[in-house]
Amino acid sequence: MKLITTLFVAAATASAQCVMCRTAAAAQSGAASHAMDKAIVVLLGPAVALFCGIFVTIFRNMPKDE
């Protein structure tokens, strides 16, 4: 749980990372740019959750060597 919280906090402090998003954010006003950064973080959540869910499922179903 600490890892997920850390990822969201780290993502919240990051600004728009891809070139297209950064260009679009730079062309907007300050409030619109901030809203776009928040939207990127919100859209990142489901992708991270899906990736982590698949990763956990794979590791739980791996055969254990005895």
PDB file of N, CA and C in Angstrom:
ATOM      1  N   MET A   1       0.822  -1.188   0.000  1.00  0.00           N
ATOM      2  CA  MET A   1       0.000   0.000   0.000  1.00  0.00           C
ATOM      3  C   MET A   1       0.869   1.255   0.000  1.00  0.00           C
ATOM      4  N   LYS A   2       2.028   1.172   0.694  1.00  0.00           N
ATOM      5  CA  LYS A   2       2.926   2.323   0.710  1.00  0.00           C
ATOM      6  C   LYS A   2       3.445   2.634  -0.687  1.00  0.00           C
ATOM      7  N   LEU A   3       3.691   1.582  -1.479  1.00  0.00           N
ATOM      8  CA  LEU A   3       4.207   1.773  -2.827  1.00  0.00           C
ATOM      9  C   LEU A   3       3.199   2.510  -3.693  1.00  0.00           C
ATOM     10  N   ILE A   4       1.946   2.124  -3.610  1.00  0.00           N
ATOM     11  CA  ILE A   4       0.910   2.767  -4.416  1.00  0.00           C
ATOM     12  C   ILE A   4       0.763   4.228  -4.006  1.00  0.00           C
ATOM     13  N   THR A   5       0.776   4.485  -2.706  1.00  0.00           N
ATOM     14  CA  THR A   5       0.678   5.858  -2.227  1.00  0.00           C
ATOM     15  C   THR A   5       1.864   6.679  -2.706  1.00  0.00           C
ATOM     16  N   THR A   6       3.044   6.097  -2.652  1.00  0.00           N
ATOM     17  CA  THR A   6       4.239   6.791  -3.116  1.00  0.00           C
ATOM     18  C   THR A   6       4.159   7.100  -4.600  1.00  0.00           C
ATOM     19  N   LEU A   7       3.648   6.155  -5.389  1.00  0.00           N
ATOM     20  CA  LEU A   7       3.521   6.390  -6.828  1.00  0.00           C
ATOM     21  C   LEU A   7       2.565   7.540  -7.124  1.00  0.00           C
ATOM     22  N   PHE A   8       1.437   7.578  -6.405  1.00  0.00           N
ATOM     23  CA  PHE A   8       0.480   8.653  -6.651  1.00  0.00           C
ATOM     24  C   PHE A   8       1.020  10.006  -6.200  1.00  0.00           C
ATOM     25  N   VAL A   9       1.754  10.035  -5.105  1.00  0.00           N
ATOM     26  CA  VAL A   9       2.330  11.299  -4.648  1.00  0.00           C
ATOM     27  C   VAL A   9       3.400  11.762  -5.629  1.00  0.00           C
ATOM     28  N   ALA A  10       4.216  10.839  -6.099  1.00  0.00           N
ATOM     29  CA  ALA A  10       5.255  11.199  -7.065  1.00  0.00           C
ATOM     30  C   ALA A  10       4.634  11.658  -8.376  1.00  0.00           C
ATOM     31  N   ALA A  11       3.545  11.024  -8.794  1.00  0.00           N
ATOM     32  CA  ALA A  11       2.883  11.420 -10.037  1.00  0.00           C
ATOM     33  C   ALA A  11       2.197  12.767  -9.886  1.00  0.00           C
ATOM     34  N   ALA A  12       1.703  13.055  -8.689  1.00  0.00           N
ATOM     35  CA  ALA A  12       1.016  14.323  -8.464  1.00  0.00           C
ATOM     36  C   ALA A  12       1.985  15.495  -8.543  1.00  0.00           C
ATOM     37  N   THR A  13       3.241  15.262  -8.191  1.00  0.00           N
ATOM     38  CA  THR A  13       4.215  16.354  -8.245  1.00  0.00           C
ATOM     39  C   THR A  13       4.826  16.508  -9.638  1.00  0.00           C
ATOM     40  N   ALA A  14       4.633  15.537 -10.493  1.00  0.00           N
ATOM     41  CA  ALA A  14       5.184  15.610 -11.843  1.00  0.00           C
ATOM     42  C   ALA A  14       4.288  16.478 -12.727  1.00  0.00           C
ATOM     43  N   SER A  15       4.898  17.158 -13.653  1.00  0.00           N
ATOM     44  CA  SER A  15       4.110  17.924 -14.613  1.00  0.00           C
ATOM     45  C   SER A  15       3.948  17.081 -15.876  1.00  0.00           C
ATOM     46  N   ALA A  16       3.298  17.654 -16.886  1.00  0.00           N
ATOM     47  CA  ALA A  16       3.056  16.915 -18.120  1.00  0.00           C
ATOM     48  C   ALA A  16       4.385  16.427 -18.684  1.00  0.00           C
ATOM     49  N   GLN A  17       4.489  15.135 -18.977  1.00  0.00           N
ATOM     50  CA  GLN A  17       5.766  14.558 -19.346  1.00  0.00           C
ATOM     51  C   GLN A  17       5.950  14.366 -20.846  1.00  0.00           C
ATOM     52  N   CYS A  18       4.898  13.981 -21.563  1.00  0.00           N
ATOM     53  CA  CYS A  18       5.098  13.734 -22.991  1.00  0.00           C
ATOM     54  C   CYS A  18       5.176  15.074 -23.734  1.00  0.00           C
ATOM     55  N   VAL A  19       5.807  15.051 -24.876  1.00  0.00           N
ATOM     56  CA  VAL A  19       6.050  16.271 -25.638  1.00  0.00           C
ATOM     57  C   VAL A  19       4.741  16.930 -26.068  1.00  0.00           C
ATOM     58  N   MET A  20       3.804  16.143 -26.542  1.00  0.00           N
ATOM     59  CA  MET A  20       2.540  16.706 -27.003  1.00  0.00           C
ATOM     60  C   MET A  20       1.767  17.343 -25.845  1.00  0.00           C
ATOM     61  N   CYS A  21       1.750  16.687 -24.701  1.00  0.00           N
ATOM     62  CA  CYS A  21       1.059  17.240 -23.528  1.00  0.00           C
ATOM     63  C   CYS A  21       1.754  18.504 -23.034  1.00  0.00           C
ATOM     64  N   ARG A  22       3.077  18.491 -23.026  1.00  0.00           N
ATOM     65  CA  ARG A  22       3.824  19.665 -22.560  1.00  0.00           C
ATOM     66  C   ARG A  22       3.587  20.855 -23.497  1.00  0.00           C
ATOM     67  N   THR A  23       3.548  20.619 -24.803  1.00  0.00           N
ATOM     68  CA  THR A  23       3.294  21.688 -25.761  1.00  0.00           C
ATOM     69  C   THR A  23       1.887  22.252 -25.596  1.00  0.00           C
ATOM     70  N   ALA A  24       0.914  21.373 -25.430  1.00  0.00           N
ATOM     71  CA  ALA A  24      -0.460  21.825 -25.242  1.00  0.00           C
ATOM     72  C   ALA A  24      -0.613  22.585 -23.935  1.00  0.00           C
ATOM     73  N   ALA A  25       0.064  22.138 -22.888  1.00  0.00           N
ATOM     74  CA  ALA A  25      -0.027  22.814 -21.599  1.00  0.00           C
ATOM     75  C   ALA A  25       0.659  24.179 -21.638  1.00  0.00           C
ATOM     76  N   ALA A  26       1.755  24.278 -22.363  1.00  0.00           N
ATOM     77  CA  ALA A  26       2.475  25.543 -22.456  1.00  0.00           C
ATOM     78  C   ALA A  26       1.683  26.591 -23.226  1.00  0.00           C
ATOM     79  N   ALA A  27       0.834  26.138 -24.141  1.00  0.00           N
ATOM     80  CA  ALA A  27       0.057  27.066 -24.952  1.00  0.00           C
ATOM     81  C   ALA A  27      -1.188  27.574 -24.223  1.00  0.00           C
ATOM     82  N   GLN A  28      -1.504  27.002 -23.080  1.00  0.00           N
ATOM     83  CA  GLN A  28      -2.705  27.378 -22.337  1.00  0.00           C
ATOM     84  C   GLN A  28      -2.345  28.314 -21.188  1.00  0.00           C
ATOM     85  N   SER A  29      -3.392  28.848 -20.564  1.00  0.00           N
ATOM     86  CA  SER A  29      -3.183  29.697 -19.400  1.00  0.00           C
ATOM     87  C   SER A  29      -2.722  28.855 -18.214  1.00  0.00           C
ATOM     88  N   GLY A  30      -2.354  29.509 -17.136  1.00  0.00           N
ATOM     89  CA  GLY A  30      -1.859  28.803 -15.962  1.00  0.00           C
ATOM     90  C   GLY A  30      -2.875  27.845 -15.366  1.00  0.00           C
ATOM     91  N   ALA A  31      -4.143  28.273 -15.274  1.00  0.00           N
ATOM     92  CA  ALA A  31      -5.178  27.417 -14.677  1.00  0.00           C
ATOM     93  C   ALA A  31      -5.467  26.214 -15.573  1.00  0.00           C
ATOM     94  N   ALA A  32      -5.505  26.435 -16.864  1.00  0.00           N
ATOM     95  CA  ALA A  32      -5.767  25.332 -17.791  1.00  0.00           C
ATOM     96  C   ALA A  32      -4.603  24.341 -17.796  1.00  0.00           C
ATOM     97  N   SER A  33      -3.400  24.848 -17.690  1.00  0.00           N
ATOM     98  CA  SER A  33      -2.223  23.982 -17.633  1.00  0.00           C
ATOM     99  C   SER A  33      -2.245  23.126 -16.368  1.00  0.00           C
ATOM    100  N   HIS A  34      -2.626  23.725 -15.260  1.00  0.00           N
ATOM    101  CA  HIS A  34      -2.716  22.991 -13.996  1.00  0.00           C
ATOM    102  C   HIS A  34      -3.815  21.925 -14.078  1.00  0.00           C
ATOM    103  N   ALA A  35      -4.930  22.260 -14.715  1.00  0.00           N
ATOM    104  CA  ALA A  35      -6.019  21.288 -14.876  1.00  0.00           C
ATOM    105  C   ALA A  35      -5.574  20.126 -15.756  1.00  0.00           C
ATOM    106  N   MET A  36      -4.777  20.419 -16.775  1.00  0.00           N
ATOM    107  CA  MET A  36      -4.284  19.352 -17.652  1.00  0.00           C
ATOM    108  C   MET A  36      -3.337  18.430 -16.888  1.00  0.00           C
ATOM    109  N   ASP A  37      -2.500  18.986 -16.034  1.00  0.00           N
ATOM    110  CA  ASP A  37      -1.607  18.163 -15.225  1.00  0.00           C
ATOM    111  C   ASP A  37      -2.402  17.243 -14.302  1.00  0.00           C
ATOM    112  N   LYS A  38      -3.463  17.765 -13.703  1.00  0.00           N
ATOM    113  CA  LYS A  38      -4.317  16.935 -12.845  1.00  0.00           C
ATOM    114  C   LYS A  38      -4.994  15.834 -13.653  1.00  0.00           C
ATOM    115  N   ALA A  39      -5.430  16.159 -14.864  1.00  0.00           N
ATOM    116  CA  ALA A  39      -6.094  15.164 -15.717  1.00  0.00           C
ATOM    117  C   ALA A  39      -5.131  14.035 -16.087  1.00  0.00           C
ATOM    118  N   ILE A  40      -3.885  14.367 -16.322  1.00  0.00           N
ATOM    119  CA  ILE A  40      -2.888  13.350 -16.651  1.00  0.00           C
ATOM    120  C   ILE A  40      -2.697  12.407 -15.474  1.00  0.00           C
ATOM    121  N   VAL A  41      -2.644  12.950 -14.269  1.00  0.00           N
ATOM    122  CA  VAL A  41      -2.490  12.121 -13.079  1.00  0.00           C
ATOM    123  C   VAL A  41      -3.716  11.232 -12.890  1.00  0.00           C
ATOM    124  N   VAL A  42      -4.905  11.779 -13.114  1.00  0.00           N
ATOM    125  CA  VAL A  42      -6.141  11.000 -12.973  1.00  0.00           C
ATOM    126  C   VAL A  42      -6.169   9.862 -13.992  1.00  0.00           C
ATOM    127  N   LEU A  43      -5.746  10.113 -15.215  1.00  0.00           N
ATOM    128  CA  LEU A  43      -5.729   9.072 -16.238  1.00  0.00           C
ATOM    129  C   LEU A  43      -4.628   8.045 -16.001  1.00  0.00           C
ATOM    130  N   LEU A  44      -3.626   8.417 -15.259  1.00  0.00           N
ATOM    131  CA  LEU A  44      -2.554   7.485 -14.940  1.00  0.00           C
ATOM    132  C   LEU A  44      -3.015   6.427 -13.941  1.00  0.00           C
ATOM    133  N   GLY A  45      -3.941   6.777 -13.067  1.00  0.00           N
ATOM    134  CA  GLY A  45      -4.410   5.874 -12.016  1.00  0.00           C
ATOM    135  C   GLY A  45      -4.910   4.530 -12.517  1.00  0.00           C
ATOM    136  N   PRO A  46      -5.886   4.488 -13.428  1.00  0.00           N
ATOM    137  CA  PRO A  46      -6.368   3.192 -13.910  1.00  0.00           C
ATOM    138  C   PRO A  46      -5.292   2.363 -14.614  1.00  0.00           C
ATOM    139  N   ALA A  47      -4.400   3.007 -15.338  1.00  0.00           N
ATOM    140  CA  ALA A  47      -3.335   2.266 -16.021  1.00  0.00           C
ATOM    141  C   ALA A  47      -2.394   1.616 -15.010  1.00  0.00           C
ATOM    142  N   VAL A  48      -2.034   2.348 -13.972  1.00  0.00           N
ATOM    143  CA  VAL A  48      -1.156   1.800 -12.933  1.00  0.00           C
ATOM    144  C   VAL A  48      -1.869   0.684 -12.178  1.00  0.00           C
ATOM    145  N   ALA A  49      -3.146   0.875 -11.865  1.00  0.00           N
ATOM    146  CA  ALA A  49      -3.906  -0.146 -11.151  1.00  0.00           C
ATOM    147  C   ALA A  49      -4.020  -1.426 -11.976  1.00  0.00           C
ATOM    148  N   LEU A  50      -4.260  -1.295 -13.263  1.00  0.00           N
ATOM    149  CA  LEU A  50      -4.358  -2.456 -14.137  1.00  0.00           C
ATOM    150  C   LEU A  50      -3.021  -3.190 -14.214  1.00  0.00           C
ATOM    151  N   PHE A  51      -1.951  -2.449 -14.389  1.00  0.00           N
ATOM    152  CA  PHE A  51      -0.625  -3.054 -14.452  1.00  0.00           C
ATOM    153  C   PHE A  51      -0.301  -3.777 -13.149  1.00  0.00           C
ATOM    154  N   CYS A  52      -0.551  -3.122 -12.026  1.00  0.00           N
ATOM    155  CA  CYS A  52      -0.250  -3.745 -10.726  1.00  0.00           C
ATOM    156  C   CYS A  52      -1.121  -4.971 -10.490  1.00  0.00           C
ATOM    157  N   GLY A  53      -2.379  -4.919 -10.910  1.00  0.00           N
ATOM    158  CA  GLY A  53      -3.268  -6.070 -10.749  1.00  0.00           C
ATOM    159  C   GLY A  53      -2.798  -7.265 -11.542  1.00  0.00           C
ATOM    160  N   ILE A  54      -2.378  -7.039 -12.760  1.00  0.00           N
ATOM    161  CA  ILE A  54      -1.857  -8.130 -13.594  1.00  0.00           C
ATOM    162  C   ILE A  54      -0.571  -8.677 -12.989  1.00  0.00           C
ATOM    163  N   PHE A  55       0.296  -7.796 -12.545  1.00  0.00           N
ATOM    164  CA  PHE A  55       1.572  -8.198 -11.951  1.00  0.00           C
ATOM    165  C   PHE A  55       1.343  -9.046 -10.703  1.00  0.00           C
ATOM    166  N   VAL A  56       0.451  -8.628  -9.828  1.00  0.00           N
ATOM    167  CA  VAL A  56       0.158  -9.372  -8.596  1.00  0.00           C
ATOM    168  C   VAL A  56      -0.468 -10.722  -8.927  1.00  0.00           C
ATOM    169  N   THR A  57      -1.386 -10.754  -9.897  1.00  0.00           N
ATOM    170  CA  THR A  57      -2.031 -12.004 -10.286  1.00  0.00           C
ATOM    171  C   THR A  57      -1.010 -13.009 -10.813  1.00  0.00           C
ATOM    172  N   ILE A  58      -0.082 -12.550 -11.615  1.00  0.00           N
ATOM    173  CA  ILE A  58       0.946 -13.438 -12.154  1.00  0.00           C
ATOM    174  C   ILE A  58       1.800 -14.010 -11.030  1.00  0.00           C
ATOM    175  N   PHE A  59       2.234 -13.170 -10.103  1.00  0.00           N
ATOM    176  CA  PHE A  59       3.088 -13.649  -9.024  1.00  0.00           C
ATOM    177  C   PHE A  59       2.358 -14.543  -8.044  1.00  0.00           C
ATOM    178  N   ARG A  60       1.078 -14.316  -7.822  1.00  0.00           N
ATOM    179  CA  ARG A  60       0.326 -15.192  -6.918  1.00  0.00           C
ATOM    180  C   ARG A  60       0.094 -16.568  -7.528  1.00  0.00           C
ATOM    181  N   ASN A  61       0.005 -16.646  -8.839  1.00  0.00           N
ATOM    182  CA  ASN A  61      -0.285 -17.909  -9.507  1.00  0.00           C
ATOM    183  C   ASN A  61       0.964 -18.635  -9.999  1.00  0.00           C
ATOM    184  N   MET A  62       2.136 -18.120  -9.687  1.00  0.00           N
ATOM    185  CA  MET A  62       3.367 -18.815 -10.065  1.00  0.00           C
ATOM    186  C   MET A  62       3.543 -20.049  -9.201  1.00  0.00           C
ATOM    187  N   PRO A  63       3.992 -21.148  -9.805  1.00  0.00           N
ATOM    188  CA  PRO A  63       4.243 -22.337  -8.989  1.00  0.00           C
ATOM    189  C   PRO A  63       5.399 -22.088  -8.032  1.00  0.00           C
ATOM    190  N   LYS A  64       5.253 -22.607  -6.829  1.00  0.00           N
ATOM    191  CA  LYS A  64       6.295 -22.429  -5.822  1.00  0.00           C
ATOM    192  C   LYS A  64       7.275 -23.589  -5.879  1.00  0.00           C
ATOM    193  N   ASP A  65       8.552 -23.270  -5.887  1.00  0.00           N
ATOM    194  CA  ASP A  65       9.581 -24.311  -5.872  1.00  0.00           C
ATOM    195  C   ASP A  65       9.795 -24.755  -4.429  1.00  0.00           C
ATOM    196  N   GLU A  66       9.771 -26.053  -4.237  1.00  0.00           N
ATOM    197  CA  GLU A  66       9.965 -26.565  -2.883  1.00  0.00           C
ATOM    198  C   GLU A  66      11.236 -27.354  -2.792  1.00  0.00           C
TER     199      GLU A  66
END
